[in-house]
């Protein structure tokens, strides 16, 4: 299905898919909606935009879902005047979008948004039927001495920290090269250009830095309270963890028994949905058709 992306993008364009804006406390959230059917809300990671899901939106809509792709506060086309960059604040934005669109919804969150989706599912379970967490930061992080012996983790951490501390776009691009190990999207040059263009806009780098300074403990504190099915997807080569499988397993273990499931994408880094969209799409569609549908 993902091989037909250009066809579906053309079709969606003809159907009038466009950016919409929702006023929330502190600013505006930009989003787009495609398709019709049960609602799925896609939320990206820090420093990114809803373009991260460009390969998943068309086939999800074609499969009979109403797909809302959201720009996080400070990102993409959303406002930059926000003061709070926490997962708790992002969760409030996602719930506002779901409520506005008539919910309930399955929330798909990448990285920082994985933690936000967890919080949203606990805060308003009537609005969330399931959660998909892609390479999520959902637990308080700690680094052990042995972790630094893992080259990809060491390199990724240093570049990511440098990008955050210095507000450096080149260091962010350097991190992305590690975060996308091996396989790159066909539109990689355009993707990098989009990253750079957005982060050079006023307020965008500040938003990324603010998100980078937040602690995922607010999400971790809610893991045991989740009552909706959760799918965690990790890449085996994700540079954000020395052992991505161990991190994904720890998230599932912190959930109530039987609620969560972990899937690993071989060869994927921190952006499995962009590197291997076919595999992620297959996992998400199966989740939408089973666990989430029964919630």
C-alpha atoms as a PDB file:
ATOM      1  CA  UNK A   1       0.000   0.000   0.000  1.00  0.00           C
ATOM      2  CA  UNK A   2       2.789   2.420   0.822  1.00  0.00           C
ATOM      3  CA  UNK A   3       4.140   1.979  -2.703  1.00  0.00           C
ATOM      4  CA  UNK A   4       1.055   3.870  -3.901  1.00  0.00           C
ATOM      5  CA  UNK A   5       1.805   6.964  -1.802  1.00  0.00           C
ATOM      6  CA  UNK A   6       1.944   9.346  -4.767  1.00  0.00           C
ATOM      7  CA  UNK A   7      -1.458   8.123  -5.978  1.00  0.00           C
ATOM      8  CA  UNK A   8      -3.055   8.656  -2.594  1.00  0.00           C
ATOM      9  CA  UNK A   9      -1.395  12.014  -2.038  1.00  0.00           C
ATOM     10  CA  UNK A  10      -2.807  13.185  -5.374  1.00  0.00           C
ATOM     11  CA  UNK A  11      -6.242  11.836  -4.462  1.00  0.00           C
ATOM     12  CA  UNK A  12      -6.209  13.455  -1.032  1.00  0.00           C
ATOM     13  CA  UNK A  13      -5.117  16.760  -2.562  1.00  0.00           C
ATOM     14  CA  UNK A  14      -8.092  16.643  -4.916  1.00  0.00           C
ATOM     15  CA  UNK A  15     -10.364  15.962  -1.960  1.00  0.00           C
ATOM     16  CA  UNK A  16      -9.263  19.235  -0.396  1.00  0.00           C
ATOM     17  CA  UNK A  17      -7.043  18.124   2.459  1.00  0.00           C
ATOM     18  CA  UNK A  18      -5.684  21.280   4.044  1.00  0.00           C
ATOM     19  CA  UNK A  19      -4.262  22.648   7.256  1.00  0.00           C
ATOM     20  CA  UNK A  20      -6.802  23.424   9.950  1.00  0.00           C
ATOM     21  CA  UNK A  21      -6.189  25.225  13.231  1.00  0.00           C
ATOM     22  CA  UNK A  22      -7.528  24.660  16.719  1.00  0.00           C
ATOM     23  CA  UNK A  23      -7.225  27.218  19.510  1.00  0.00           C
ATOM     24  CA  UNK A  24      -5.991  25.687  22.771  1.00  0.00           C
ATOM     25  CA  UNK A  25      -4.770  27.201  26.002  1.00  0.00           C
ATOM     26  CA  UNK A  26      -1.610  29.137  25.104  1.00  0.00           C
ATOM     27  CA  UNK A  27      -1.797  29.082  21.318  1.00  0.00           C
ATOM     28  CA  UNK A  28      -2.962  27.231  18.225  1.00  0.00           C
ATOM     29  CA  UNK A  29      -2.488  23.643  17.052  1.00  0.00           C
ATOM     30  CA  UNK A  30      -2.300  22.889  13.329  1.00  0.00           C
ATOM     31  CA  UNK A  31      -3.571  19.611  11.907  1.00  0.00           C
ATOM     32  CA  UNK A  32      -4.943  18.013   8.780  1.00  0.00           C
ATOM     33  CA  UNK A  33      -7.638  15.387   8.354  1.00  0.00           C
ATOM     34  CA  UNK A  34      -7.945  12.774   5.613  1.00  0.00           C
ATOM     35  CA  UNK A  35     -10.423   9.984   5.014  1.00  0.00           C
ATOM     36  CA  UNK A  36     -13.494   8.910   6.939  1.00  0.00           C
ATOM     37  CA  UNK A  37     -14.249   6.259   9.541  1.00  0.00           C
ATOM     38  CA  UNK A  38     -12.883   5.591  13.045  1.00  0.00           C
ATOM     39  CA  UNK A  39     -10.544   8.376  14.141  1.00  0.00           C
ATOM     40  CA  UNK A  40      -6.775   7.917  14.331  1.00  0.00           C
ATOM     41  CA  UNK A  41      -4.638  10.820  15.574  1.00  0.00           C
ATOM     42  CA  UNK A  42      -0.954  10.894  14.590  1.00  0.00           C
ATOM     43  CA  UNK A  43       1.517  12.897  16.689  1.00  0.00           C
ATOM     44  CA  UNK A  44       5.207  13.283  15.765  1.00  0.00           C
ATOM     45  CA  UNK A  45       8.385  13.713  17.820  1.00  0.00           C
ATOM     46  CA  UNK A  46      10.292  16.849  18.810  1.00  0.00           C
ATOM     47  CA  UNK A  47      11.867  18.978  16.097  1.00  0.00           C
ATOM     48  CA  UNK A  48       9.579  17.450  13.486  1.00  0.00           C
ATOM     49  CA  UNK A  49       6.168  18.050  11.925  1.00  0.00           C
ATOM     50  CA  UNK A  50       3.189  16.017  10.796  1.00  0.00           C
ATOM     51  CA  UNK A  51       5.118  15.373   7.568  1.00  0.00           C
ATOM     52  CA  UNK A  52       6.751  12.548   9.532  1.00  0.00           C
ATOM     53  CA  UNK A  53       3.602  10.537   8.765  1.00  0.00           C
ATOM     54  CA  UNK A  54       3.383  11.369   5.059  1.00  0.00           C
ATOM     55  CA  UNK A  55       3.833   7.677   4.165  1.00  0.00           C
ATOM     56  CA  UNK A  56       1.155   6.437   6.585  1.00  0.00           C
ATOM     57  CA  UNK A  57      -1.653   8.964   6.162  1.00  0.00           C
ATOM     58  CA  UNK A  58      -2.784   7.920   2.658  1.00  0.00           C
ATOM     59  CA  UNK A  59      -2.925   4.141   3.257  1.00  0.00           C
ATOM     60  CA  UNK A  60      -4.565   4.567   6.673  1.00  0.00           C
ATOM     61  CA  UNK A  61      -7.235   6.752   5.077  1.00  0.00           C
ATOM     62  CA  UNK A  62      -7.609   4.253   2.228  1.00  0.00           C
ATOM     63  CA  UNK A  63      -8.117   1.487   4.792  1.00  0.00           C
ATOM     64  CA  UNK A  64     -11.207   3.230   6.132  1.00  0.00           C
ATOM     65  CA  UNK A  65      -9.959   5.539   8.864  1.00  0.00           C
ATOM     66  CA  UNK A  66     -10.320   9.245   9.497  1.00  0.00           C
ATOM     67  CA  UNK A  67      -6.728  10.297  10.013  1.00  0.00           C
ATOM     68  CA  UNK A  68      -5.786  13.493  11.814  1.00  0.00           C
ATOM     69  CA  UNK A  69      -2.073  14.350  11.664  1.00  0.00           C
ATOM     70  CA  UNK A  70      -1.143  16.968  14.241  1.00  0.00           C
ATOM     71  CA  UNK A  71       1.723  19.452  14.478  1.00  0.00           C
ATOM     72  CA  UNK A  72       2.823  19.541  18.120  1.00  0.00           C
ATOM     73  CA  UNK A  73       2.882  22.892  19.904  1.00  0.00           C
ATOM     74  CA  UNK A  74       5.803  24.921  18.571  1.00  0.00           C
ATOM     75  CA  UNK A  75       6.258  22.614  15.580  1.00  0.00           C
ATOM     76  CA  UNK A  76       5.234  22.589  11.929  1.00  0.00           C
ATOM     77  CA  UNK A  77       2.481  25.149  11.471  1.00  0.00           C
ATOM     78  CA  UNK A  78       1.391  25.267  15.110  1.00  0.00           C
ATOM     79  CA  UNK A  79       1.951  28.350  17.253  1.00  0.00           C
ATOM     80  CA  UNK A  80       5.230  29.013  19.065  1.00  0.00           C
ATOM     81  CA  UNK A  81       4.032  31.152  21.984  1.00  0.00           C
ATOM     82  CA  UNK A  82       3.557  28.216  24.365  1.00  0.00           C
ATOM     83  CA  UNK A  83       5.461  28.129  27.644  1.00  0.00           C
ATOM     84  CA  UNK A  84       4.979  24.489  28.643  1.00  0.00           C
ATOM     85  CA  UNK A  85       6.604  21.788  26.476  1.00  0.00           C
ATOM     86  CA  UNK A  86       5.910  18.786  28.708  1.00  0.00           C
ATOM     87  CA  UNK A  87       4.221  15.547  27.730  1.00  0.00           C
ATOM     88  CA  UNK A  88       1.352  16.531  30.005  1.00  0.00           C
ATOM     89  CA  UNK A  89       0.820  19.730  28.024  1.00  0.00           C
ATOM     90  CA  UNK A  90       1.054  17.886  24.702  1.00  0.00           C
ATOM     91  CA  UNK A  91      -1.473  15.334  25.993  1.00  0.00           C
ATOM     92  CA  UNK A  92      -3.902  18.187  26.594  1.00  0.00           C
ATOM     93  CA  UNK A  93      -3.473  19.358  23.001  1.00  0.00           C
ATOM     94  CA  UNK A  94      -4.084  15.868  21.608  1.00  0.00           C
ATOM     95  CA  UNK A  95      -7.210  15.458  23.708  1.00  0.00           C
ATOM     96  CA  UNK A  96      -8.441  18.854  22.518  1.00  0.00           C
ATOM     97  CA  UNK A  97      -8.047  17.715  18.902  1.00  0.00           C
ATOM     98  CA  UNK A  98      -9.841  14.422  19.581  1.00  0.00           C
ATOM     99  CA  UNK A  99     -12.659  16.232  21.361  1.00  0.00           C
ATOM    100  CA  UNK A 100     -12.934  18.774  18.543  1.00  0.00           C
ATOM    101  CA  UNK A 101     -13.124  16.029  15.925  1.00  0.00           C
ATOM    102  CA  UNK A 102     -15.766  14.092  17.801  1.00  0.00           C
ATOM    103  CA  UNK A 103     -13.597  11.186  19.080  1.00  0.00           C
ATOM    104  CA  UNK A 104     -12.896   8.736  20.438  1.00  0.00           C
ATOM    105  CA  UNK A 105      -9.591   7.988  18.748  1.00  0.00           C
ATOM    106  CA  UNK A 106      -6.584   5.740  18.671  1.00  0.00           C
ATOM    107  CA  UNK A 107      -3.521   7.875  19.440  1.00  0.00           C
ATOM    108  CA  UNK A 108      -0.265   7.180  17.610  1.00  0.00           C
ATOM    109  CA  UNK A 109       2.647   8.997  19.229  1.00  0.00           C
ATOM    110  CA  UNK A 110       6.308   9.064  18.286  1.00  0.00           C
ATOM    111  CA  UNK A 111       9.085   9.710  20.837  1.00  0.00           C
ATOM    112  CA  UNK A 112       7.910  12.499  23.174  1.00  0.00           C
ATOM    113  CA  UNK A 113       4.363  12.044  21.852  1.00  0.00           C
ATOM    114  CA  UNK A 114       4.386   8.415  22.931  1.00  0.00           C
ATOM    115  CA  UNK A 115       4.546   9.633  26.505  1.00  0.00           C
ATOM    116  CA  UNK A 116       1.906  12.270  25.802  1.00  0.00           C
ATOM    117  CA  UNK A 117      -0.452   9.640  24.366  1.00  0.00           C
ATOM    118  CA  UNK A 118      -0.005   7.559  27.524  1.00  0.00           C
ATOM    119  CA  UNK A 119      -1.028  10.493  29.699  1.00  0.00           C
ATOM    120  CA  UNK A 120      -3.993  11.298  27.437  1.00  0.00           C
ATOM    121  CA  UNK A 121      -5.275   7.718  27.661  1.00  0.00           C
ATOM    122  CA  UNK A 122      -5.315   7.942  31.462  1.00  0.00           C
ATOM    123  CA  UNK A 123      -6.708  11.459  31.712  1.00  0.00           C
ATOM    124  CA  UNK A 124      -9.701  10.873  29.443  1.00  0.00           C
ATOM    125  CA  UNK A 125     -10.142   7.169  28.648  1.00  0.00           C
ATOM    126  CA  UNK A 126     -13.530   7.855  27.089  1.00  0.00           C
ATOM    127  CA  UNK A 127     -11.712   9.731  24.295  1.00  0.00           C
ATOM    128  CA  UNK A 128      -8.904   7.201  23.712  1.00  0.00           C
ATOM    129  CA  UNK A 129      -9.578   3.638  22.541  1.00  0.00           C
ATOM    130  CA  UNK A 130      -5.945   2.607  22.103  1.00  0.00           C
ATOM    131  CA  UNK A 131      -2.366   3.862  22.002  1.00  0.00           C
ATOM    132  CA  UNK A 132       0.474   3.138  19.582  1.00  0.00           C
ATOM    133  CA  UNK A 133       3.859   4.280  20.881  1.00  0.00           C
ATOM    134  CA  UNK A 134       6.649   4.550  18.305  1.00  0.00           C
ATOM    135  CA  UNK A 135      10.139   4.698  19.868  1.00  0.00           C
ATOM    136  CA  UNK A 136       8.548   6.365  22.891  1.00  0.00           C
ATOM    137  CA  UNK A 137      10.106   8.331  25.713  1.00  0.00           C
ATOM    138  CA  UNK A 138       7.611   7.216  28.325  1.00  0.00           C
ATOM    139  CA  UNK A 139       9.823   6.464  31.332  1.00  0.00           C
ATOM    140  CA  UNK A 140      12.388   8.337  33.397  1.00  0.00           C
ATOM    141  CA  UNK A 141      15.770   7.785  31.745  1.00  0.00           C
ATOM    142  CA  UNK A 142      19.054   6.829  33.347  1.00  0.00           C
ATOM    143  CA  UNK A 143      22.427   6.154  31.724  1.00  0.00           C
ATOM    144  CA  UNK A 144      24.673   3.362  32.939  1.00  0.00           C
ATOM    145  CA  UNK A 145      28.400   3.272  32.321  1.00  0.00           C
ATOM    146  CA  UNK A 146      28.044   0.245  30.073  1.00  0.00           C
ATOM    147  CA  UNK A 147      25.603   2.122  27.831  1.00  0.00           C
ATOM    148  CA  UNK A 148      28.391   4.425  26.679  1.00  0.00           C
ATOM    149  CA  UNK A 149      30.231   1.463  25.185  1.00  0.00           C
ATOM    150  CA  UNK A 150      27.487   1.223  22.545  1.00  0.00           C
ATOM    151  CA  UNK A 151      28.785   3.391  19.704  1.00  0.00           C
ATOM    152  CA  UNK A 152      25.470   4.391  18.119  1.00  0.00           C
ATOM    153  CA  UNK A 153      24.074   5.362  21.541  1.00  0.00           C
ATOM    154  CA  UNK A 154      27.171   7.372  22.439  1.00  0.00           C
ATOM    155  CA  UNK A 155      27.246   9.206  19.106  1.00  0.00           C
ATOM    156  CA  UNK A 156      23.517   9.833  19.031  1.00  0.00           C
ATOM    157  CA  UNK A 157      23.416  11.112  22.598  1.00  0.00           C
ATOM    158  CA  UNK A 158      26.297  13.551  22.080  1.00  0.00           C
ATOM    159  CA  UNK A 159      24.821  14.985  18.890  1.00  0.00           C
ATOM    160  CA  UNK A 160      21.342  15.184  20.339  1.00  0.00           C
ATOM    161  CA  UNK A 161      22.591  16.910  23.471  1.00  0.00           C
ATOM    162  CA  UNK A 162      24.693  19.283  21.392  1.00  0.00           C
ATOM    163  CA  UNK A 163      21.736  20.205  19.203  1.00  0.00           C
ATOM    164  CA  UNK A 164      19.659  20.944  22.284  1.00  0.00           C
ATOM    165  CA  UNK A 165      22.267  22.839  24.289  1.00  0.00           C
ATOM    166  CA  UNK A 166      23.577  24.974  21.416  1.00  0.00           C
ATOM    167  CA  UNK A 167      20.414  25.167  19.322  1.00  0.00           C
ATOM    168  CA  UNK A 168      22.450  23.797  16.442  1.00  0.00           C
ATOM    169  CA  UNK A 169      20.647  22.771  13.260  1.00  0.00           C
ATOM    170  CA  UNK A 170      23.801  21.099  11.805  1.00  0.00           C
ATOM    171  CA  UNK A 171      24.141  18.948  14.941  1.00  0.00           C
ATOM    172  CA  UNK A 172      20.471  18.016  14.672  1.00  0.00           C
ATOM    173  CA  UNK A 173      21.001  16.946  11.074  1.00  0.00           C
ATOM    174  CA  UNK A 174      24.027  14.957  12.182  1.00  0.00           C
ATOM    175  CA  UNK A 175      21.911  13.234  14.829  1.00  0.00           C
ATOM    176  CA  UNK A 176      19.264  12.398  12.237  1.00  0.00           C
ATOM    177  CA  UNK A 177      21.852  10.603  10.121  1.00  0.00           C
ATOM    178  CA  UNK A 178      22.392   8.225  13.065  1.00  0.00           C
ATOM    179  CA  UNK A 179      18.689   8.083  13.922  1.00  0.00           C
ATOM    180  CA  UNK A 180      18.027   6.815  10.365  1.00  0.00           C
ATOM    181  CA  UNK A 181      20.643   4.036  10.151  1.00  0.00           C
ATOM    182  CA  UNK A 182      21.073   2.375   6.771  1.00  0.00           C
ATOM    183  CA  UNK A 183      17.713   2.759   5.042  1.00  0.00           C
ATOM    184  CA  UNK A 184      16.692   6.323   4.232  1.00  0.00           C
ATOM    185  CA  UNK A 185      13.321   7.442   2.821  1.00  0.00           C
ATOM    186  CA  UNK A 186      13.233   8.016  -0.927  1.00  0.00           C
ATOM    187  CA  UNK A 187      12.702  11.743  -0.297  1.00  0.00           C
ATOM    188  CA  UNK A 188      15.538  11.988   2.250  1.00  0.00           C
ATOM    189  CA  UNK A 189      17.072  15.186   0.843  1.00  0.00           C
ATOM    190  CA  UNK A 190      13.693  16.882   0.885  1.00  0.00           C
ATOM    191  CA  UNK A 191      13.019  15.550   4.381  1.00  0.00           C
ATOM    192  CA  UNK A 192      16.283  17.012   5.708  1.00  0.00           C
ATOM    193  CA  UNK A 193      15.563  20.300   3.994  1.00  0.00           C
ATOM    194  CA  UNK A 194      12.160  20.450   5.644  1.00  0.00           C
ATOM    195  CA  UNK A 195      13.700  19.787   9.071  1.00  0.00           C
ATOM    196  CA  UNK A 196      16.206  22.589   8.560  1.00  0.00           C
ATOM    197  CA  UNK A 197      13.711  25.091   7.175  1.00  0.00           C
ATOM    198  CA  UNK A 198      11.308  24.583  10.078  1.00  0.00           C
ATOM    199  CA  UNK A 199      13.954  24.754  12.789  1.00  0.00           C
ATOM    200  CA  UNK A 200      15.260  28.048  11.418  1.00  0.00           C
ATOM    201  CA  UNK A 201      11.827  29.633  11.754  1.00  0.00           C
ATOM    202  CA  UNK A 202      11.444  31.890  14.834  1.00  0.00           C
ATOM    203  CA  UNK A 203      10.529  29.925  17.935  1.00  0.00           C
ATOM    204  CA  UNK A 204      10.886  26.433  16.444  1.00  0.00           C
ATOM    205  CA  UNK A 205      14.313  25.630  17.855  1.00  0.00           C
ATOM    206  CA  UNK A 206      13.213  27.020  21.218  1.00  0.00           C
ATOM    207  CA  UNK A 207      10.310  24.565  21.174  1.00  0.00           C
ATOM    208  CA  UNK A 208      12.618  21.648  20.412  1.00  0.00           C
ATOM    209  CA  UNK A 209      15.025  22.681  23.147  1.00  0.00           C
ATOM    210  CA  UNK A 210      12.140  23.025  25.582  1.00  0.00           C
ATOM    211  CA  UNK A 211      10.871  19.537  24.777  1.00  0.00           C
ATOM    212  CA  UNK A 212      14.374  18.136  25.112  1.00  0.00           C
ATOM    213  CA  UNK A 213      14.639  19.495  28.648  1.00  0.00           C
ATOM    214  CA  UNK A 214      11.415  17.875  29.831  1.00  0.00           C
ATOM    215  CA  UNK A 215      11.366  14.751  31.988  1.00  0.00           C
ATOM    216  CA  UNK A 216       9.320  11.751  30.789  1.00  0.00           C
ATOM    217  CA  UNK A 217       8.589  10.863  34.408  1.00  0.00           C
ATOM    218  CA  UNK A 218       5.162  12.518  34.078  1.00  0.00           C
ATOM    219  CA  UNK A 219       4.255   9.832  31.536  1.00  0.00           C
ATOM    220  CA  UNK A 220       5.962   7.024  33.422  1.00  0.00           C
ATOM    221  CA  UNK A 221       3.927   7.814  36.510  1.00  0.00           C
ATOM    222  CA  UNK A 222       0.756   6.953  34.560  1.00  0.00           C
ATOM    223  CA  UNK A 223       1.815   3.694  32.899  1.00  0.00           C
ATOM    224  CA  UNK A 224       0.258   1.550  35.613  1.00  0.00           C
ATOM    225  CA  UNK A 225      -3.054   3.390  35.240  1.00  0.00           C
ATOM    226  CA  UNK A 226      -3.571   2.775  31.512  1.00  0.00           C
ATOM    227  CA  UNK A 227      -6.733   0.814  30.755  1.00  0.00           C
ATOM    228  CA  UNK A 228      -6.560   0.857  26.973  1.00  0.00           C
ATOM    229  CA  UNK A 229      -4.546  -1.495  24.713  1.00  0.00           C
ATOM    230  CA  UNK A 230      -1.036  -0.305  23.919  1.00  0.00           C
ATOM    231  CA  UNK A 231       1.288  -1.266  21.060  1.00  0.00           C
ATOM    232  CA  UNK A 232       4.944  -0.298  21.510  1.00  0.00           C
ATOM    233  CA  UNK A 233       7.130  -0.313  18.387  1.00  0.00           C
ATOM    234  CA  UNK A 234      10.908  -0.004  18.687  1.00  0.00           C
ATOM    235  CA  UNK A 235      13.739  -0.113  16.160  1.00  0.00           C
ATOM    236  CA  UNK A 236      16.581  -2.512  16.918  1.00  0.00           C
ATOM    237  CA  UNK A 237      19.139   0.199  16.039  1.00  0.00           C
ATOM    238  CA  UNK A 238      17.514   3.155  17.782  1.00  0.00           C
ATOM    239  CA  UNK A 239      20.424   5.332  18.984  1.00  0.00           C
ATOM    240  CA  UNK A 240      18.376   6.875  21.780  1.00  0.00           C
ATOM    241  CA  UNK A 241      18.829   3.718  23.865  1.00  0.00           C
ATOM    242  CA  UNK A 242      21.738   1.359  24.293  1.00  0.00           C
ATOM    243  CA  UNK A 243      19.207  -1.492  24.373  1.00  0.00           C
ATOM    244  CA  UNK A 244      15.950  -0.533  22.609  1.00  0.00           C
ATOM    245  CA  UNK A 245      14.379  -3.931  23.280  1.00  0.00           C
ATOM    246  CA  UNK A 246      14.990  -3.568  27.011  1.00  0.00           C
ATOM    247  CA  UNK A 247      13.405  -0.099  26.985  1.00  0.00           C
ATOM    248  CA  UNK A 248      10.335  -1.304  25.095  1.00  0.00           C
ATOM    249  CA  UNK A 249       9.989  -4.296  27.400  1.00  0.00           C
ATOM    250  CA  UNK A 250      10.239  -2.065  30.473  1.00  0.00           C
ATOM    251  CA  UNK A 251       7.358   0.073  29.169  1.00  0.00           C
ATOM    252  CA  UNK A 252       5.183  -2.977  28.557  1.00  0.00           C
ATOM    253  CA  UNK A 253       6.083  -4.418  31.969  1.00  0.00           C
ATOM    254  CA  UNK A 254       5.054  -1.159  33.660  1.00  0.00           C
ATOM    255  CA  UNK A 255       1.583  -1.374  32.095  1.00  0.00           C
ATOM    256  CA  UNK A 256      -1.171  -3.484  33.672  1.00  0.00           C
ATOM    257  CA  UNK A 257      -0.817  -7.154  32.726  1.00  0.00           C
ATOM    258  CA  UNK A 258      -2.098  -7.975  29.256  1.00  0.00           C
ATOM    259  CA  UNK A 259      -2.501  -4.344  28.184  1.00  0.00           C
ATOM    260  CA  UNK A 260       0.701  -3.853  26.197  1.00  0.00           C
ATOM    261  CA  UNK A 261       2.604  -5.566  23.412  1.00  0.00           C
ATOM    262  CA  UNK A 262       6.093  -4.886  22.046  1.00  0.00           C
ATOM    263  CA  UNK A 263       7.100  -5.206  18.397  1.00  0.00           C
ATOM    264  CA  UNK A 264      10.654  -4.717  17.135  1.00  0.00           C
ATOM    265  CA  UNK A 265      11.543  -3.471  13.638  1.00  0.00           C
ATOM    266  CA  UNK A 266      14.845  -4.969  12.566  1.00  0.00           C
ATOM    267  CA  UNK A 267      17.329  -2.367  11.317  1.00  0.00           C
ATOM    268  CA  UNK A 268      15.178   0.629  12.247  1.00  0.00           C
ATOM    269  CA  UNK A 269      16.454   3.601  14.213  1.00  0.00           C
ATOM    270  CA  UNK A 270      14.425   6.221  16.034  1.00  0.00           C
ATOM    271  CA  UNK A 271      12.010   6.748  13.112  1.00  0.00           C
ATOM    272  CA  UNK A 272      10.646   3.273  12.253  1.00  0.00           C
ATOM    273  CA  UNK A 273       7.500   4.760  10.679  1.00  0.00           C
ATOM    274  CA  UNK A 274       9.632   6.726   8.213  1.00  0.00           C
ATOM    275  CA  UNK A 275      12.295   4.102   7.487  1.00  0.00           C
ATOM    276  CA  UNK A 276      10.015   1.079   7.278  1.00  0.00           C
ATOM    277  CA  UNK A 277       6.488   2.450   6.761  1.00  0.00           C
ATOM    278  CA  UNK A 278       5.156  -0.814   5.297  1.00  0.00           C
ATOM    279  CA  UNK A 279       6.038  -2.763   8.430  1.00  0.00           C
ATOM    280  CA  UNK A 280       4.731  -0.109  10.793  1.00  0.00           C
ATOM    281  CA  UNK A 281       1.554   0.271   8.745  1.00  0.00           C
ATOM    282  CA  UNK A 282       0.936  -3.479   8.946  1.00  0.00           C
ATOM    283  CA  UNK A 283       1.352  -3.416  12.731  1.00  0.00           C
ATOM    284  CA  UNK A 284      -0.879  -0.370  13.155  1.00  0.00           C
ATOM    285  CA  UNK A 285      -3.647  -1.734  10.926  1.00  0.00           C
ATOM    286  CA  UNK A 286      -3.622  -5.038  12.819  1.00  0.00           C
ATOM    287  CA  UNK A 287      -3.826  -3.119  16.098  1.00  0.00           C
ATOM    288  CA  UNK A 288      -6.675  -0.964  14.819  1.00  0.00           C
ATOM    289  CA  UNK A 289      -8.553  -4.055  13.708  1.00  0.00           C
ATOM    290  CA  UNK A 290      -8.221  -6.018  16.915  1.00  0.00           C
ATOM    291  CA  UNK A 291      -7.194  -4.625  20.305  1.00  0.00           C
ATOM    292  CA  UNK A 292      -8.298  -1.025  19.735  1.00  0.00           C
ATOM    293  CA  UNK A 293     -11.583  -2.072  18.180  1.00  0.00           C
ATOM    294  CA  UNK A 294     -12.493  -4.097  21.281  1.00  0.00           C
ATOM    295  CA  UNK A 295     -11.679  -1.320  23.761  1.00  0.00           C
END
